[in-house]
Amino acid sequence: MIVAAIVPGAWIGVVVAEGDGLGQWTVLCAESVPLPTDVARLVLRAEHIATERTGRAGARNALIAETIDGALAAHDRSAADVGKWRRDVGAAHWARVAAACLDGFTNWPTTAHGVTREAGAMLLWWRAQAEQRTAPLSFVGPVRITPSADLSSVPTLVCAPTIPVSVSFQVGTVRAAIDPGSAWLAVVVARGDAPPLSLVAAETFEVGAMVPLAKPRTVTRSDGTTSQVTHRRSVTSEHVTTIASGVLALLQLHDVRRVVVEHVDHVHLAESKAHSSRMATDLVRSAWVEGAVSERLRAHGIDVATVASASWRARIAPRVADGSTADQRVDVAVRAGFVDWPRSNVHARDAAGLCLYDATPIPERKARQRVRSSGAKVKRRVTSARRNDPLDAFIDAAIARKAAVASGASGAGVD
């Protein structure tokens, strides 16, 4: 049995889980998406769908809920209103909700956003109500909720045949971009044939984990100041494999067929040996992650194209004489190139810039027209390179000898 829960908001939380009525359920999808039309594509394969229509006040959330209902109705589907589940959970529930999600699902992602955790908690509450509990569900510490085998008997649920998840509700090519790094890897999925694009998903994966050092050490910065280092980043093959699997799952979820990946083609090392060593380590680690992810995607039939950082930045955010930095120009370009770009980190922003690069046509170069001057010809000044040419040196010496002979002859004729 597959069940889905939807929590509308500025970002919409969606959780799709599968179970057989025994023990914990398995999460098939735990996303936070910006567009209501993308929600339906994620939950259509669910046999039962629940949404929150009355839990939050505001015209915006009501409009989002209506849009979701319309997208579902286009495929003869509908969602059950779970009611005011927040009243039973309580206001200060964030830690308890997170603990309940970790305990209620076998593979709950620890990096899920707040609205996604709310969707997971609402799904747990809804399952508890389906079990016809006599008392309201209490989120005190980790809560294990066993789904009922007769969940389909709840009268407000609507059953329908499973529909493939690759159904699309918007016009335009689905494209994706990856910004790999030594500490974080960002993936952005967008839709559109030309800017402005619509954001479908944006995820940031942590590369490795921070582990404590056996003994703190002092590091000297390039400006001469010092700092205490107590942790280091540890990256193993298991970490890289997990990231590659997560990226593949995200792209397959949104039916992506082509992805653009940033790569580094040149680097300027610092004067400090320690700083240069850290830069080299980061570059090697980033290349490792980039190669592993690209290889996994190609093995599953996804076309992978690489582009240098300088190339995509020059196309979408060229240099201008206004004193702005490269990051500032990219930030402006991304906000203008997406119709719904939210607040994000720099990694997701750069991945969005790559998406814009992929959707922006290559500008045509204008042929340079040579303008002939109508004035008098000016003799070119002999350059040092010309004077250093052996043939030119020989000619110059011959001219000097001829001038010396001529001056000597004119002097001998004067008495």
Protein backbone atom coordinates (compact mmCIF):
# COMPACT_ATOMS: atom_id res chain seq x y z
CA MET A 1 0.00 0.00 0.00
CA ILE A 2 1.30 3.46 -0.91
CA VAL A 3 0.14 6.53 1.02
CA ALA A 4 0.97 10.22 0.44
CA ALA A 5 0.70 13.31 2.65
CA ILE A 6 0.79 16.96 1.50
CA VAL A 7 1.35 20.09 3.64
CA PRO A 8 0.79 23.34 1.66
CA GLY A 9 2.87 26.45 2.35
CA ALA A 10 5.50 28.72 0.86
CA TRP A 11 7.31 25.43 0.20
CA ILE A 12 5.06 22.39 -0.03
CA GLY A 13 5.99 19.31 1.95
CA VAL A 14 5.33 15.95 0.28
CA VAL A 15 5.90 12.50 1.76
CA VAL A 16 5.06 9.25 -0.03
CA ALA A 17 5.48 6.02 1.94
CA GLU A 18 4.85 2.35 1.33
CA GLY A 19 4.04 -0.42 3.79
CA ASP A 20 2.20 -3.68 4.24
CA GLY A 21 0.59 -2.90 7.57
CA LEU A 22 3.38 -4.36 9.72
CA GLY A 23 6.04 -2.32 11.51
CA GLN A 24 7.61 0.78 10.03
CA TRP A 25 6.94 1.98 6.53
CA THR A 26 9.44 2.84 3.80
CA VAL A 27 9.76 6.39 2.49
CA LEU A 28 9.50 6.55 -1.30
CA CYS A 29 9.60 10.33 -1.54
CA ALA A 30 10.31 13.08 1.02
CA GLU A 31 10.45 16.41 -0.81
CA SER A 32 9.79 20.10 -0.38
CA VAL A 33 8.77 21.66 -3.70
CA PRO A 34 7.83 25.25 -4.63
CA LEU A 35 5.10 24.61 -7.22
CA PRO A 36 1.68 23.05 -6.51
CA THR A 37 1.60 21.47 -9.96
CA ASP A 38 4.76 19.49 -9.15
CA VAL A 39 3.07 17.98 -6.10
CA ALA A 40 0.56 16.01 -8.13
CA ARG A 41 3.31 14.43 -10.21
CA LEU A 42 4.92 13.09 -7.04
CA VAL A 43 1.81 11.63 -5.39
CA LEU A 44 -0.19 10.21 -8.29
CA ARG A 45 1.21 6.73 -7.72
CA ALA A 46 -0.17 6.72 -4.16
CA GLU A 47 -3.32 4.74 -3.47
CA HIS A 48 -4.40 7.13 -0.71
CA ILE A 49 -3.64 10.87 -0.55
CA ALA A 50 -4.08 13.17 2.45
CA THR A 51 -3.68 16.93 2.51
CA GLU A 52 -4.01 19.77 5.00
CA ARG A 53 -6.65 22.30 3.97
CA THR A 54 -7.75 23.81 7.28
CA GLY A 55 -4.63 23.66 9.43
CA ARG A 56 -3.11 27.00 8.34
CA ALA A 57 -4.79 30.33 7.81
CA GLY A 58 -4.13 32.62 4.87
CA ALA A 59 -5.36 33.12 1.33
CA ARG A 60 -2.03 31.97 -0.15
CA ASN A 61 -2.18 28.51 1.44
CA ALA A 62 -5.84 28.17 0.50
CA LEU A 63 -4.99 28.98 -3.12
CA ILE A 64 -2.13 26.46 -3.08
CA ALA A 65 -4.48 23.77 -1.73
CA GLU A 66 -7.04 24.56 -4.44
CA THR A 67 -4.33 24.33 -7.12
CA ILE A 68 -3.24 20.94 -5.82
CA ASP A 69 -6.85 19.73 -5.82
CA GLY A 70 -7.23 20.92 -9.42
CA ALA A 71 -4.10 19.10 -10.55
CA LEU A 72 -5.32 15.90 -8.90
CA ALA A 73 -8.81 16.30 -10.33
CA ALA A 74 -7.33 16.44 -13.84
CA HIS A 75 -6.42 12.78 -13.31
CA ASP A 76 -9.63 11.83 -11.52
CA ARG A 77 -7.94 11.85 -8.15
CA SER A 78 -8.76 13.62 -4.90
CA ALA A 79 -7.23 13.98 -1.47
CA ALA A 80 -8.70 13.57 1.99
CA ASP A 81 -8.58 16.50 4.41
CA VAL A 82 -6.94 15.34 7.63
CA GLY A 83 -8.32 18.21 9.65
CA LYS A 84 -6.50 20.22 12.33
CA TRP A 85 -3.85 17.68 13.20
CA ARG A 86 -1.62 20.43 14.66
CA ARG A 87 -4.06 20.89 17.50
CA ASP A 88 -3.28 17.40 18.73
CA VAL A 89 0.46 17.63 18.11
CA GLY A 90 0.96 21.00 19.80
CA ALA A 91 2.83 24.18 18.91
CA ALA A 92 6.36 23.45 20.16
CA HIS A 93 6.67 20.12 18.43
CA TRP A 94 9.71 20.34 16.14
CA ALA A 95 12.02 18.01 18.07
CA ARG A 96 9.24 15.54 18.78
CA VAL A 97 8.12 15.56 15.15
CA ALA A 98 11.67 14.85 13.97
CA ALA A 99 12.02 11.99 16.45
CA ALA A 100 8.64 10.56 15.45
CA CYS A 101 9.59 10.63 11.75
CA LEU A 102 12.89 8.88 12.42
CA ASP A 103 11.11 6.18 14.36
CA GLY A 104 8.02 5.87 12.18
CA PHE A 105 9.87 5.26 8.89
CA THR A 106 12.69 2.84 8.16
CA ASN A 107 14.67 5.25 5.94
CA TRP A 108 13.65 8.76 6.98
CA PRO A 109 16.19 11.32 5.59
CA THR A 110 17.84 13.25 8.41
CA THR A 111 18.35 16.27 6.12
CA ALA A 112 14.62 16.70 5.40
CA HIS A 113 13.33 20.27 5.61
CA GLY A 114 10.87 21.42 8.26
CA VAL A 115 7.82 21.36 6.01
CA THR A 116 8.77 17.84 4.85
CA ARG A 117 8.99 16.69 8.47
CA GLU A 118 5.55 18.18 9.03
CA ALA A 119 4.20 16.14 6.13
CA GLY A 120 5.78 13.02 7.64
CA ALA A 121 4.32 13.80 11.06
CA MET A 122 0.90 14.43 9.52
CA LEU A 123 1.12 11.07 7.78
CA LEU A 124 1.90 9.38 11.12
CA TRP A 125 -1.02 11.18 12.79
CA TRP A 126 -3.32 10.23 9.92
CA ARG A 127 -2.31 6.59 10.19
CA ALA A 128 -2.97 6.70 13.92
CA GLN A 129 -6.44 8.11 13.26
CA ALA A 130 -7.01 5.36 10.69
CA GLU A 131 -6.29 2.87 13.45
CA GLN A 132 -9.24 4.46 15.30
CA ARG A 133 -7.25 5.33 18.40
CA THR A 134 -9.42 6.44 21.28
CA ALA A 135 -6.98 9.16 22.43
CA PRO A 136 -5.23 11.82 20.32
CA LEU A 137 -1.73 10.93 19.17
CA SER A 138 0.95 12.22 21.55
CA PHE A 139 4.41 13.20 20.25
CA VAL A 140 6.32 12.68 23.48
CA GLY A 141 9.70 11.21 22.60
CA PRO A 142 10.10 8.69 19.77
CA VAL A 143 6.72 7.31 18.77
CA ARG A 144 6.32 4.07 16.83
CA ILE A 145 3.06 3.95 14.91
CA THR A 146 2.08 0.72 13.23
CA PRO A 147 -0.14 1.30 10.17
CA SER A 148 -3.42 -0.53 10.10
CA ALA A 149 -3.97 -3.26 7.55
CA ASP A 150 -7.54 -2.01 7.01
CA LEU A 151 -6.50 1.60 6.22
CA SER A 152 -8.54 1.46 3.03
CA SER A 153 -11.71 1.16 5.08
CA VAL A 154 -11.53 4.80 6.19
CA PRO A 155 -14.49 6.41 4.35
CA THR A 156 -12.75 9.69 3.44
CA LEU A 157 -9.99 7.97 1.47
CA VAL A 158 -10.17 7.76 -2.31
CA CYS A 159 -8.62 4.80 -4.10
CA ALA A 160 -7.42 4.83 -7.70
CA PRO A 161 -5.07 2.77 -9.89
CA THR A 162 -1.38 3.57 -9.70
CA ILE A 163 -0.23 6.16 -12.25
CA PRO A 164 3.43 6.45 -13.34
CA VAL A 165 5.32 9.17 -11.52
CA SER A 166 6.77 10.57 -14.76
CA VAL A 167 3.53 12.37 -15.66
CA SER A 168 4.28 16.06 -16.35
CA PHE A 169 1.97 19.01 -15.72
CA GLN A 170 4.07 21.80 -17.22
CA VAL A 171 5.34 22.61 -20.67
CA GLY A 172 9.07 22.69 -21.21
CA THR A 173 12.16 20.56 -21.02
CA VAL A 174 13.13 19.13 -17.64
CA ARG A 175 16.82 19.92 -17.12
CA ALA A 176 19.20 19.54 -14.19
CA ALA A 177 22.58 20.84 -13.09
CA ILE A 178 25.09 19.72 -10.47
CA ASP A 179 27.60 21.89 -8.62
CA PRO A 180 30.08 19.44 -7.02
CA GLY A 181 32.33 20.55 -4.20
CA SER A 182 34.65 19.23 -1.54
CA ALA A 183 32.14 19.76 1.29
CA TRP A 184 28.75 20.15 -0.39
CA LEU A 185 27.14 19.03 -3.66
CA ALA A 186 24.08 20.85 -4.99
CA VAL A 187 21.51 19.59 -7.49
CA VAL A 188 18.88 21.80 -9.14
CA VAL A 189 16.10 20.48 -11.37
CA ALA A 190 14.25 23.06 -13.48
CA ARG A 191 11.71 23.10 -16.26
CA GLY A 192 11.65 25.33 -19.31
CA ASP A 193 13.07 25.73 -22.79
CA ALA A 194 14.39 29.25 -22.15
CA PRO A 195 14.66 31.62 -19.19
CA PRO A 196 12.80 32.30 -17.02
CA LEU A 197 12.75 28.70 -15.76
CA SER A 198 10.49 27.07 -13.18
CA LEU A 199 12.18 25.44 -10.21
CA VAL A 200 11.25 21.80 -9.71
CA ALA A 201 13.66 20.72 -6.96
CA ALA A 202 16.81 21.93 -5.24
CA GLU A 203 18.81 19.67 -2.95
CA THR A 204 22.20 20.05 -1.26
CA PHE A 205 24.11 16.94 -0.18
CA GLU A 206 26.89 17.03 2.40
CA VAL A 207 30.11 15.41 1.24
CA GLY A 208 31.46 13.21 4.03
CA ALA A 209 31.23 14.16 7.68
CA MET A 210 33.09 16.26 10.23
CA VAL A 211 35.05 14.17 12.74
CA PRO A 212 36.94 15.47 15.80
CA LEU A 213 40.71 15.64 15.79
CA ALA A 214 42.68 13.68 18.35
CA LYS A 215 44.39 16.93 19.28
CA PRO A 216 43.44 20.51 18.32
CA ARG A 217 45.95 22.30 16.10
CA THR A 218 46.64 25.91 15.27
CA VAL A 219 46.36 27.12 11.68
CA THR A 220 47.88 30.36 10.39
CA ARG A 221 45.80 32.22 7.83
CA SER A 222 47.18 34.10 4.84
CA ASP A 223 46.76 37.43 6.66
CA GLY A 224 48.88 36.24 9.59
CA THR A 225 46.05 35.54 12.05
CA THR A 226 45.64 32.13 13.67
CA SER A 227 42.71 29.89 14.50
CA GLN A 228 42.12 26.64 16.38
CA VAL A 229 41.01 23.61 14.34
CA THR A 230 39.21 20.89 16.29
CA HIS A 231 37.53 18.89 13.47
CA ARG A 232 38.35 17.70 9.99
CA ARG A 233 36.22 16.52 7.11
CA SER A 234 36.33 12.78 6.49
CA VAL A 235 35.19 11.44 3.10
CA THR A 236 35.05 7.71 2.42
CA SER A 237 33.97 5.58 -0.51
CA GLU A 238 30.70 4.89 1.29
CA HIS A 239 30.00 8.63 1.51
CA VAL A 240 30.64 9.14 -2.20
CA THR A 241 28.51 6.12 -3.14
CA THR A 242 25.64 7.41 -1.00
CA ILE A 243 25.79 10.82 -2.67
CA ALA A 244 25.81 9.27 -6.16
CA SER A 245 22.79 7.13 -5.26
CA GLY A 246 20.93 10.12 -3.82
CA VAL A 247 21.56 12.25 -6.92
CA LEU A 248 20.47 9.43 -9.21
CA ALA A 249 17.26 8.88 -7.23
CA LEU A 250 16.42 12.60 -7.34
CA LEU A 251 16.95 12.85 -11.11
CA GLN A 252 15.02 9.66 -11.81
CA LEU A 253 12.17 10.93 -9.64
CA HIS A 254 11.78 13.96 -11.91
CA ASP A 255 12.46 12.03 -15.15
CA VAL A 256 15.64 13.96 -16.00
CA ARG A 257 17.41 12.85 -19.17
CA ARG A 258 20.27 15.35 -19.32
CA VAL A 259 22.37 17.02 -16.64
CA VAL A 260 25.12 19.64 -16.73
CA VAL A 261 28.02 19.26 -14.26
CA GLU A 262 30.52 21.96 -13.36
CA HIS A 263 34.21 21.09 -13.42
CA VAL A 264 37.42 22.95 -12.63
CA ASP A 265 39.88 23.33 -15.51
CA HIS A 266 42.47 25.61 -13.91
CA VAL A 267 43.45 26.88 -10.48
CA HIS A 268 45.83 29.44 -9.02
CA LEU A 269 47.52 28.13 -5.87
CA ALA A 270 48.24 30.41 -2.96
CA GLU A 271 51.71 31.42 -1.82
CA SER A 272 51.24 29.68 1.51
CA LYS A 273 52.21 26.02 1.39
CA ALA A 274 49.52 25.04 3.90
CA HIS A 275 46.82 26.93 2.00
CA SER A 276 47.92 25.42 -1.30
CA SER A 277 47.81 21.96 0.25
CA ARG A 278 44.22 22.49 1.44
CA MET A 279 43.20 23.77 -2.00
CA ALA A 280 44.74 20.75 -3.70
CA THR A 281 42.99 18.38 -1.28
CA ASP A 282 39.63 20.08 -1.92
CA LEU A 283 40.12 19.89 -5.70
CA VAL A 284 40.98 16.19 -5.59
CA ARG A 285 37.98 15.47 -3.39
CA SER A 286 35.66 17.49 -5.62
CA ALA A 287 36.94 15.67 -8.73
CA TRP A 288 36.40 12.35 -6.96
CA VAL A 289 32.76 13.16 -6.20
CA GLU A 290 32.16 14.62 -9.65
CA GLY A 291 33.55 11.53 -11.38
CA ALA A 292 31.61 9.07 -9.22
CA VAL A 293 28.30 10.90 -9.71
CA SER A 294 28.80 11.35 -13.46
CA GLU A 295 29.73 7.70 -13.90
CA ARG A 296 26.64 6.54 -12.01
CA LEU A 297 24.34 8.79 -14.04
CA ARG A 298 25.81 7.70 -17.38
CA ALA A 299 25.44 4.05 -16.37
CA HIS A 300 21.69 4.66 -15.99
CA GLY A 301 21.23 6.34 -19.36
CA ILE A 302 21.40 10.00 -18.28
CA ASP A 303 23.40 12.26 -20.61
CA VAL A 304 26.09 14.15 -18.67
CA ALA A 305 27.74 17.30 -20.04
CA THR A 306 30.56 19.12 -18.26
CA VAL A 307 31.23 22.85 -18.38
CA ALA A 308 33.93 24.98 -16.81
CA SER A 309 32.94 27.47 -14.13
CA ALA A 310 34.34 30.41 -16.09
CA SER A 311 32.33 29.42 -19.19
CA TRP A 312 28.87 29.37 -17.64
CA ARG A 313 29.52 32.46 -15.54
CA ALA A 314 30.65 34.41 -18.60
CA ARG A 315 27.43 33.54 -20.45
CA ILE A 316 24.82 34.31 -17.79
CA ALA A 317 26.70 36.94 -15.74
CA PRO A 318 29.40 38.63 -17.83
CA ARG A 319 31.73 41.18 -16.34
CA VAL A 320 30.46 44.74 -16.07
CA ALA A 321 32.21 47.90 -14.96
CA ASP A 322 30.04 48.54 -11.91
CA GLY A 323 32.31 47.14 -9.20
CA SER A 324 30.18 44.04 -8.58
CA THR A 325 31.72 40.68 -7.79
CA ALA A 326 31.19 37.50 -9.80
CA ASP A 327 29.00 35.96 -7.07
CA GLN A 328 26.82 39.07 -6.94
CA ARG A 329 26.27 38.99 -10.70
CA VAL A 330 25.40 35.30 -10.59
CA ASP A 331 22.93 35.91 -7.75
CA VAL A 332 21.17 38.63 -9.77
CA ALA A 333 21.08 36.44 -12.89
CA VAL A 334 19.58 33.48 -11.01
CA ARG A 335 16.85 35.57 -9.39
CA ALA A 336 15.96 37.03 -12.78
CA GLY A 337 16.23 33.69 -14.60
CA PHE A 338 13.77 31.78 -12.36
CA VAL A 339 10.17 32.73 -11.82
CA ASP A 340 10.13 31.35 -8.28
CA TRP A 341 13.70 31.18 -6.96
CA PRO A 342 13.66 31.03 -3.12
CA ARG A 343 16.35 31.85 -0.59
CA SER A 344 19.15 29.31 -0.95
CA ASN A 345 22.80 28.60 -0.27
CA VAL A 346 25.58 29.47 -2.70
CA HIS A 347 25.89 25.85 -3.86
CA ALA A 348 22.27 25.63 -5.02
CA ARG A 349 22.60 29.10 -6.54
CA ASP A 350 25.58 28.02 -8.65
CA ALA A 351 23.72 24.89 -9.76
CA ALA A 352 20.81 27.12 -10.78
CA GLY A 353 23.27 29.24 -12.76
CA LEU A 354 24.34 26.09 -14.59
CA CYS A 355 20.69 25.40 -15.45
CA LEU A 356 20.40 28.91 -16.89
CA TYR A 357 23.57 28.34 -18.88
CA ASP A 358 22.12 25.15 -20.33
CA ALA A 359 18.86 26.91 -21.28
CA THR A 360 20.47 30.10 -22.66
CA PRO A 361 21.34 29.97 -26.37
CA ILE A 362 24.90 30.73 -27.43
CA PRO A 363 25.07 34.41 -28.46
CA GLU A 364 25.99 35.03 -32.08
CA ARG A 365 29.30 36.74 -32.62
CA LYS A 366 29.17 39.79 -34.85
CA ALA A 367 31.75 40.01 -37.61
CA ARG A 368 34.28 42.76 -36.99
CA GLN A 369 34.28 45.41 -39.69
CA ARG A 370 37.63 46.96 -40.60
CA VAL A 371 37.38 50.70 -41.09
CA ARG A 372 39.98 52.17 -43.44
CA SER A 373 41.29 55.58 -42.51
CA SER A 374 41.08 58.32 -45.12
CA GLY A 375 44.07 60.21 -43.72
CA ALA A 376 47.69 60.08 -44.75
CA LYS A 377 49.60 56.87 -44.20
CA VAL A 378 51.77 56.79 -41.09
CA LYS A 379 54.98 54.86 -41.14
CA ARG A 380 54.96 52.09 -38.55
CA ARG A 381 57.38 52.29 -35.73
CA VAL A 382 59.87 49.46 -35.77
CA THR A 383 59.29 47.30 -32.71
CA SER A 384 61.94 45.70 -30.56
CA ALA A 385 60.91 42.29 -31.86
CA ARG A 386 61.62 43.44 -35.42
CA ARG A 387 64.98 44.93 -34.48
CA ASN A 388 65.98 41.69 -32.84
CA ASP A 389 65.29 39.70 -35.98
CA PRO A 390 68.66 38.53 -37.51
CA LEU A 391 67.74 39.58 -41.05
CA ASP A 392 66.66 43.02 -39.90
CA ALA A 393 69.90 43.39 -37.93
CA PHE A 394 71.90 42.54 -41.06
CA ILE A 395 69.98 45.13 -43.11
CA ASP A 396 70.41 47.76 -40.41
CA ALA A 397 74.18 47.14 -40.34
CA ALA A 398 74.41 47.45 -44.14
CA ILE A 399 72.53 50.74 -44.07
CA ALA A 400 74.86 52.05 -41.35
CA ARG A 401 77.95 51.12 -43.34
CA LYS A 402 76.57 52.82 -46.42
CA ALA A 403 75.85 55.96 -44.45
CA ALA A 404 79.36 55.94 -42.99
CA VAL A 405 80.95 55.62 -46.43
CA ALA A 406 78.82 58.45 -47.76
CA SER A 407 79.74 60.73 -44.88
CA GLY A 408 83.45 59.92 -45.34
CA ALA A 409 83.36 60.71 -49.03
CA SER A 410 81.65 64.04 -48.46
CA GLY A 411 84.29 64.95 -45.84
CA ALA A 412 87.20 64.12 -48.13
CA GLY A 413 85.90 66.46 -50.83
CA VAL A 414 85.92 69.50 -48.53
CA ASP A 415 89.22 71.50 -48.41
